[in-house]
Amino acid sequence: MNLVSSYKFGKKDAWQVNARWNFGSPFPFTQSQGYFESMLFPNGAGTDILTQNGDISTYYGQLNNGRLSYFHRLDISVQRTFTFSKNTTLEVTAGATNVYNRDNIFYVNRMTGVRIYQLPIIPSLGLNFSF
């Protein structure tokens, strides 16, 4: 769900404030049920399984049975338009993505347990010159 708002004000509506609040339901993911050692057989049947270390592998649960948490963020921008002539304008825009710096989960690394998050607060500045 997106709630979008825009408001123009000032002399000749030269100023504009924009806001977007985004809310989303949890994405599905396949949960890990456990881990096991996967043995490698580089020498076929002649491989000594008593002296080698295998690789850690994941035993997966039912496909897409888990859900991540709900997410939301607020993006805001302020724009000022300067009109130099009938066909020449300059727009200056300053804004920020994820204004309240919410940690929205993107995924969790299965092996390390480290959580990876979506966008942090990201300020921006833009210029648009039309002639």
N, C-alpha and C. Protein backbone atom coordinates (compact mmCIF):
# COMPACT_ATOMS: atom_id res chain seq x y z
N MET A 1 0.85 -1.15 0.00
CA MET A 1 0.00 0.00 0.00
C MET A 1 0.91 1.23 0.00
N ASN A 2 0.54 2.21 -0.80
CA ASN A 2 1.27 3.47 -0.86
C ASN A 2 0.31 4.61 -0.60
N LEU A 3 0.68 5.50 0.30
CA LEU A 3 -0.05 6.74 0.51
C LEU A 3 0.86 7.86 0.01
N VAL A 4 0.36 8.61 -0.97
CA VAL A 4 1.16 9.64 -1.61
C VAL A 4 0.47 10.98 -1.44
N SER A 5 1.26 12.00 -1.11
CA SER A 5 0.71 13.34 -0.94
C SER A 5 1.67 14.36 -1.54
N SER A 6 1.09 15.42 -2.11
CA SER A 6 1.89 16.48 -2.70
C SER A 6 1.19 17.80 -2.42
N TYR A 7 1.97 18.82 -2.08
CA TYR A 7 1.39 20.12 -1.76
C TYR A 7 2.25 21.22 -2.38
N LYS A 8 1.62 22.08 -3.18
CA LYS A 8 2.32 23.22 -3.78
C LYS A 8 1.91 24.48 -3.03
N PHE A 9 2.88 25.39 -2.88
CA PHE A 9 2.58 26.64 -2.18
C PHE A 9 3.59 27.70 -2.59
N GLY A 10 3.39 28.89 -2.06
CA GLY A 10 4.29 30.00 -2.34
C GLY A 10 3.86 30.78 -3.58
N LYS A 11 4.60 31.83 -3.86
CA LYS A 11 4.32 32.66 -5.02
C LYS A 11 4.47 31.83 -6.29
N LYS A 12 3.45 31.81 -7.12
CA LYS A 12 3.39 31.04 -8.38
C LYS A 12 3.64 29.54 -8.14
N ASP A 13 3.25 29.06 -6.97
CA ASP A 13 3.45 27.64 -6.60
C ASP A 13 4.89 27.18 -6.85
N ALA A 14 5.85 27.99 -6.46
CA ALA A 14 7.25 27.68 -6.70
C ALA A 14 7.78 26.57 -5.79
N TRP A 15 7.10 26.33 -4.66
CA TRP A 15 7.53 25.30 -3.72
C TRP A 15 6.60 24.09 -3.81
N GLN A 16 7.16 22.92 -3.63
CA GLN A 16 6.35 21.70 -3.61
C GLN A 16 6.94 20.73 -2.59
N VAL A 17 6.08 20.17 -1.73
CA VAL A 17 6.49 19.15 -0.76
C VAL A 17 5.79 17.85 -1.14
N ASN A 18 6.56 16.77 -1.21
CA ASN A 18 6.02 15.46 -1.57
C ASN A 18 6.35 14.46 -0.47
N ALA A 19 5.40 13.57 -0.21
CA ALA A 19 5.61 12.51 0.79
C ALA A 19 5.01 11.22 0.26
N ARG A 20 5.68 10.11 0.56
CA ARG A 20 5.19 8.78 0.19
C ARG A 20 5.46 7.85 1.35
N TRP A 21 4.37 7.24 1.86
CA TRP A 21 4.51 6.23 2.91
C TRP A 21 4.16 4.89 2.30
N ASN A 22 5.07 3.93 2.40
CA ASN A 22 4.93 2.62 1.80
C ASN A 22 4.80 1.58 2.90
N PHE A 23 3.78 0.71 2.80
CA PHE A 23 3.56 -0.36 3.77
C PHE A 23 3.40 -1.65 2.99
N GLY A 24 4.11 -2.68 3.41
CA GLY A 24 4.05 -3.94 2.68
C GLY A 24 3.89 -5.13 3.59
N SER A 25 3.22 -6.15 3.05
CA SER A 25 3.05 -7.40 3.79
C SER A 25 4.32 -8.24 3.69
N PRO A 26 4.47 -9.18 4.59
CA PRO A 26 5.71 -9.96 4.63
C PRO A 26 5.92 -10.81 3.38
N PHE A 27 7.16 -10.86 2.92
CA PHE A 27 7.51 -11.72 1.80
C PHE A 27 7.68 -13.16 2.30
N PRO A 28 7.32 -14.13 1.47
CA PRO A 28 7.50 -15.53 1.86
C PRO A 28 8.96 -15.95 1.72
N PHE A 29 9.36 -16.93 2.51
CA PHE A 29 10.68 -17.52 2.36
C PHE A 29 10.64 -18.96 2.84
N THR A 30 11.60 -19.74 2.40
CA THR A 30 11.69 -21.14 2.81
C THR A 30 12.58 -21.22 4.05
N GLN A 31 12.04 -21.75 5.12
CA GLN A 31 12.77 -21.82 6.39
C GLN A 31 13.81 -22.94 6.38
N SER A 32 14.82 -22.78 7.21
CA SER A 32 15.82 -23.84 7.41
C SER A 32 15.33 -24.75 8.53
N GLN A 33 15.34 -26.06 8.29
CA GLN A 33 14.92 -27.03 9.31
C GLN A 33 16.11 -27.55 10.10
N GLY A 34 17.28 -27.52 9.49
CA GLY A 34 18.47 -28.02 10.17
C GLY A 34 19.65 -27.99 9.22
N TYR A 35 20.79 -28.44 9.74
CA TYR A 35 22.03 -28.46 8.97
C TYR A 35 22.66 -29.85 9.09
N PHE A 36 23.38 -30.24 8.07
CA PHE A 36 24.05 -31.53 8.09
C PHE A 36 25.37 -31.42 7.34
N GLU A 37 26.26 -32.38 7.62
CA GLU A 37 27.54 -32.40 6.94
C GLU A 37 27.40 -33.21 5.66
N SER A 38 27.66 -32.57 4.55
CA SER A 38 27.59 -33.21 3.24
C SER A 38 28.99 -33.70 2.88
N MET A 39 29.14 -35.01 2.80
CA MET A 39 30.45 -35.58 2.52
C MET A 39 30.77 -35.52 1.02
N LEU A 40 32.00 -35.21 0.72
CA LEU A 40 32.47 -35.17 -0.67
C LEU A 40 33.22 -36.47 -0.96
N PHE A 41 33.16 -36.93 -2.17
CA PHE A 41 33.85 -38.15 -2.56
C PHE A 41 34.74 -37.88 -3.78
N PRO A 42 35.86 -37.12 -3.56
CA PRO A 42 36.71 -36.78 -4.70
C PRO A 42 37.40 -37.99 -5.33
N ASN A 43 37.61 -39.06 -4.56
CA ASN A 43 38.27 -40.28 -5.09
C ASN A 43 37.27 -41.42 -5.27
N GLY A 44 36.00 -41.06 -5.36
CA GLY A 44 34.97 -42.08 -5.54
C GLY A 44 34.88 -42.97 -4.31
N ALA A 45 34.74 -44.28 -4.53
CA ALA A 45 34.60 -45.24 -3.43
C ALA A 45 35.89 -45.35 -2.62
N GLY A 46 37.02 -44.89 -3.17
CA GLY A 46 38.29 -44.96 -2.46
C GLY A 46 38.51 -43.80 -1.50
N THR A 47 37.56 -42.90 -1.35
CA THR A 47 37.70 -41.75 -0.46
C THR A 47 37.62 -42.20 0.99
N ASP A 48 38.56 -41.73 1.80
CA ASP A 48 38.57 -42.05 3.24
C ASP A 48 37.66 -41.06 3.96
N ILE A 49 36.45 -41.48 4.30
CA ILE A 49 35.49 -40.58 4.93
C ILE A 49 35.80 -40.32 6.40
N LEU A 50 36.75 -41.06 6.98
CA LEU A 50 37.09 -40.87 8.39
C LEU A 50 38.06 -39.72 8.61
N THR A 51 38.75 -39.28 7.55
CA THR A 51 39.75 -38.23 7.72
C THR A 51 39.40 -36.94 6.99
N GLN A 52 38.27 -36.88 6.33
CA GLN A 52 37.92 -35.65 5.60
C GLN A 52 36.81 -34.89 6.32
N ASN A 53 36.77 -33.61 6.06
CA ASN A 53 35.69 -32.76 6.54
C ASN A 53 34.75 -32.47 5.38
N GLY A 54 33.49 -32.62 5.63
CA GLY A 54 32.51 -32.32 4.59
C GLY A 54 32.12 -30.86 4.61
N ASP A 55 31.19 -30.50 3.73
CA ASP A 55 30.65 -29.14 3.68
C ASP A 55 29.34 -29.10 4.46
N ILE A 56 29.07 -27.96 5.09
CA ILE A 56 27.80 -27.80 5.79
C ILE A 56 26.71 -27.53 4.76
N SER A 57 25.65 -28.27 4.81
CA SER A 57 24.51 -28.11 3.91
C SER A 57 23.25 -27.86 4.74
N THR A 58 22.26 -27.31 4.09
CA THR A 58 21.01 -26.93 4.76
C THR A 58 19.90 -27.90 4.40
N TYR A 59 19.15 -28.31 5.40
CA TYR A 59 17.94 -29.09 5.17
C TYR A 59 16.79 -28.09 5.21
N TYR A 60 16.10 -27.95 4.09
CA TYR A 60 15.06 -26.94 3.96
C TYR A 60 13.70 -27.46 4.37
N GLY A 61 12.87 -26.54 4.86
CA GLY A 61 11.49 -26.86 5.21
C GLY A 61 10.61 -26.76 3.98
N GLN A 62 9.30 -26.66 4.23
CA GLN A 62 8.34 -26.57 3.15
C GLN A 62 8.54 -25.26 2.37
N LEU A 63 8.44 -25.32 1.05
CA LEU A 63 8.70 -24.19 0.18
C LEU A 63 7.82 -22.98 0.53
N ASN A 64 8.47 -21.85 0.78
CA ASN A 64 7.81 -20.56 1.08
C ASN A 64 6.78 -20.63 2.20
N ASN A 65 7.03 -21.44 3.21
CA ASN A 65 6.11 -21.58 4.34
C ASN A 65 6.33 -20.51 5.41
N GLY A 66 7.48 -19.85 5.42
CA GLY A 66 7.76 -18.80 6.40
C GLY A 66 7.45 -17.42 5.84
N ARG A 67 7.35 -16.44 6.71
CA ARG A 67 7.11 -15.05 6.30
C ARG A 67 8.05 -14.13 7.05
N LEU A 68 8.62 -13.15 6.31
CA LEU A 68 9.41 -12.10 6.94
C LEU A 68 8.45 -11.14 7.64
N SER A 69 8.95 -10.14 8.32
CA SER A 69 8.10 -9.19 9.04
C SER A 69 7.52 -8.13 8.08
N TYR A 70 6.44 -7.47 8.53
CA TYR A 70 5.87 -6.36 7.77
C TYR A 70 6.92 -5.26 7.63
N PHE A 71 6.81 -4.47 6.57
CA PHE A 71 7.77 -3.38 6.39
C PHE A 71 7.05 -2.09 6.02
N HIS A 72 7.68 -0.98 6.36
CA HIS A 72 7.16 0.33 5.98
C HIS A 72 8.29 1.35 5.99
N ARG A 73 8.09 2.42 5.21
CA ARG A 73 9.08 3.50 5.18
C ARG A 73 8.40 4.77 4.70
N LEU A 74 9.03 5.90 5.00
CA LEU A 74 8.53 7.22 4.61
C LEU A 74 9.60 7.92 3.79
N ASP A 75 9.21 8.40 2.59
CA ASP A 75 10.10 9.16 1.72
C ASP A 75 9.53 10.57 1.60
N ILE A 76 10.39 11.58 1.73
CA ILE A 76 9.95 12.98 1.67
C ILE A 76 10.90 13.76 0.76
N SER A 77 10.32 14.72 0.01
CA SER A 77 11.15 15.62 -0.79
C SER A 77 10.54 17.01 -0.81
N VAL A 78 11.42 17.99 -0.99
CA VAL A 78 11.02 19.40 -1.11
C VAL A 78 11.64 19.91 -2.41
N GLN A 79 10.82 20.58 -3.20
CA GLN A 79 11.29 21.07 -4.50
C GLN A 79 11.00 22.56 -4.63
N ARG A 80 11.96 23.27 -5.20
CA ARG A 80 11.80 24.71 -5.45
C ARG A 80 12.07 24.94 -6.93
N THR A 81 11.14 25.63 -7.60
CA THR A 81 11.28 25.93 -9.02
C THR A 81 11.62 27.40 -9.21
N PHE A 82 12.67 27.66 -9.97
CA PHE A 82 13.08 29.01 -10.32
C PHE A 82 12.79 29.21 -11.81
N THR A 83 12.00 30.21 -12.13
CA THR A 83 11.65 30.49 -13.52
C THR A 83 12.44 31.71 -13.98
N PHE A 84 13.28 31.52 -15.02
CA PHE A 84 14.12 32.59 -15.53
C PHE A 84 13.47 33.28 -16.73
N SER A 85 12.76 32.51 -17.53
CA SER A 85 12.03 33.04 -18.68
C SER A 85 10.90 32.07 -18.99
N LYS A 86 10.20 32.34 -20.10
CA LYS A 86 9.07 31.48 -20.47
C LYS A 86 9.49 30.01 -20.65
N ASN A 87 10.65 29.78 -21.20
CA ASN A 87 11.10 28.41 -21.49
C ASN A 87 12.31 27.96 -20.68
N THR A 88 12.74 28.72 -19.71
CA THR A 88 13.94 28.37 -18.94
C THR A 88 13.60 28.30 -17.45
N THR A 89 13.77 27.09 -16.89
CA THR A 89 13.51 26.89 -15.46
C THR A 89 14.60 26.02 -14.84
N LEU A 90 14.74 26.17 -13.53
CA LEU A 90 15.64 25.35 -12.74
C LEU A 90 14.84 24.79 -11.57
N GLU A 91 14.85 23.47 -11.43
CA GLU A 91 14.20 22.82 -10.30
C GLU A 91 15.28 22.24 -9.38
N VAL A 92 15.21 22.60 -8.11
CA VAL A 92 16.13 22.08 -7.10
C VAL A 92 15.32 21.21 -6.15
N THR A 93 15.72 19.95 -6.02
CA THR A 93 14.98 19.01 -5.18
C THR A 93 15.89 18.41 -4.13
N ALA A 94 15.45 18.45 -2.86
CA ALA A 94 16.16 17.79 -1.76
C ALA A 94 15.19 16.81 -1.13
N GLY A 95 15.69 15.64 -0.80
CA GLY A 95 14.80 14.64 -0.23
C GLY A 95 15.54 13.61 0.58
N ALA A 96 14.76 12.68 1.12
CA ALA A 96 15.32 11.57 1.88
C ALA A 96 14.44 10.35 1.72
N THR A 97 15.07 9.21 1.55
CA THR A 97 14.39 7.92 1.49
C THR A 97 14.50 7.27 2.86
N ASN A 98 13.43 6.65 3.33
CA ASN A 98 13.38 5.99 4.64
C ASN A 98 13.75 6.98 5.75
N VAL A 99 12.98 8.05 5.83
CA VAL A 99 13.26 9.18 6.72
C VAL A 99 13.49 8.75 8.17
N TYR A 100 12.70 7.82 8.68
CA TYR A 100 12.87 7.43 10.08
C TYR A 100 13.80 6.22 10.24
N ASN A 101 14.55 5.91 9.19
CA ASN A 101 15.64 4.91 9.23
C ASN A 101 15.19 3.56 9.80
N ARG A 102 14.03 3.09 9.39
CA ARG A 102 13.52 1.80 9.87
C ARG A 102 14.34 0.65 9.28
N ASP A 103 14.64 -0.33 10.12
CA ASP A 103 15.33 -1.55 9.68
C ASP A 103 14.29 -2.52 9.12
N ASN A 104 14.11 -2.47 7.81
CA ASN A 104 13.21 -3.39 7.13
C ASN A 104 14.02 -4.58 6.64
N ILE A 105 13.68 -5.77 7.11
CA ILE A 105 14.45 -6.96 6.79
C ILE A 105 14.38 -7.28 5.29
N PHE A 106 15.51 -7.60 4.70
CA PHE A 106 15.58 -8.01 3.30
C PHE A 106 15.74 -9.53 3.24
N TYR A 107 16.73 -10.05 3.99
CA TYR A 107 16.89 -11.49 4.13
C TYR A 107 17.84 -11.78 5.30
N VAL A 108 17.90 -13.05 5.69
CA VAL A 108 18.81 -13.50 6.73
C VAL A 108 19.75 -14.53 6.11
N ASN A 109 21.06 -14.32 6.30
CA ASN A 109 22.04 -15.27 5.80
C ASN A 109 21.88 -16.59 6.57
N ARG A 110 21.61 -17.67 5.89
CA ARG A 110 21.33 -18.96 6.54
C ARG A 110 22.50 -19.50 7.34
N MET A 111 23.69 -19.28 6.87
CA MET A 111 24.86 -19.87 7.52
C MET A 111 25.37 -19.06 8.71
N THR A 112 25.29 -17.74 8.61
CA THR A 112 25.84 -16.90 9.67
C THR A 112 24.77 -16.32 10.59
N GLY A 113 23.52 -16.29 10.12
CA GLY A 113 22.44 -15.70 10.92
C GLY A 113 22.41 -14.18 10.85
N VAL A 114 23.26 -13.59 10.02
CA VAL A 114 23.32 -12.13 9.90
C VAL A 114 22.10 -11.64 9.13
N ARG A 115 21.43 -10.62 9.68
CA ARG A 115 20.27 -10.02 9.02
C ARG A 115 20.73 -8.93 8.06
N ILE A 116 20.20 -8.95 6.87
CA ILE A 116 20.50 -7.94 5.86
C ILE A 116 19.24 -7.11 5.68
N TYR A 117 19.38 -5.79 5.82
CA TYR A 117 18.23 -4.90 5.77
C TYR A 117 18.15 -4.16 4.44
N GLN A 118 16.94 -3.67 4.15
CA GLN A 118 16.72 -2.86 2.95
C GLN A 118 17.36 -1.50 3.15
N LEU A 119 16.93 -0.53 2.38
CA LEU A 119 17.54 0.80 2.35
C LEU A 119 17.59 1.49 3.71
N PRO A 120 18.76 2.04 4.09
CA PRO A 120 18.82 2.91 5.26
C PRO A 120 18.33 4.30 4.86
N ILE A 121 18.44 5.27 5.73
CA ILE A 121 18.09 6.64 5.35
C ILE A 121 19.09 7.09 4.28
N ILE A 122 18.54 7.62 3.18
CA ILE A 122 19.39 8.04 2.06
C ILE A 122 18.99 9.46 1.66
N PRO A 123 19.81 10.46 1.97
CA PRO A 123 19.51 11.81 1.52
C PRO A 123 19.83 11.97 0.03
N SER A 124 19.16 12.90 -0.62
CA SER A 124 19.42 13.13 -2.04
C SER A 124 19.25 14.61 -2.37
N LEU A 125 19.92 15.01 -3.44
CA LEU A 125 19.84 16.38 -3.93
C LEU A 125 19.88 16.30 -5.45
N GLY A 126 18.95 17.01 -6.11
CA GLY A 126 18.90 16.97 -7.56
C GLY A 126 18.64 18.33 -8.17
N LEU A 127 19.17 18.52 -9.37
CA LEU A 127 18.95 19.75 -10.14
C LEU A 127 18.42 19.36 -11.51
N ASN A 128 17.44 20.10 -11.99
CA ASN A 128 16.89 19.89 -13.32
C ASN A 128 16.77 21.24 -14.01
N PHE A 129 17.59 21.44 -15.03
CA PHE A 129 17.61 22.71 -15.75
C PHE A 129 16.98 22.48 -17.11
N SER A 130 15.89 23.19 -17.40
CA SER A 130 15.18 23.07 -18.68
C SER A 130 15.29 24.37 -19.45
N PHE A 131 15.55 24.26 -20.75
CA PHE A 131 15.65 25.46 -21.59
C PHE A 131 15.13 25.16 -22.98
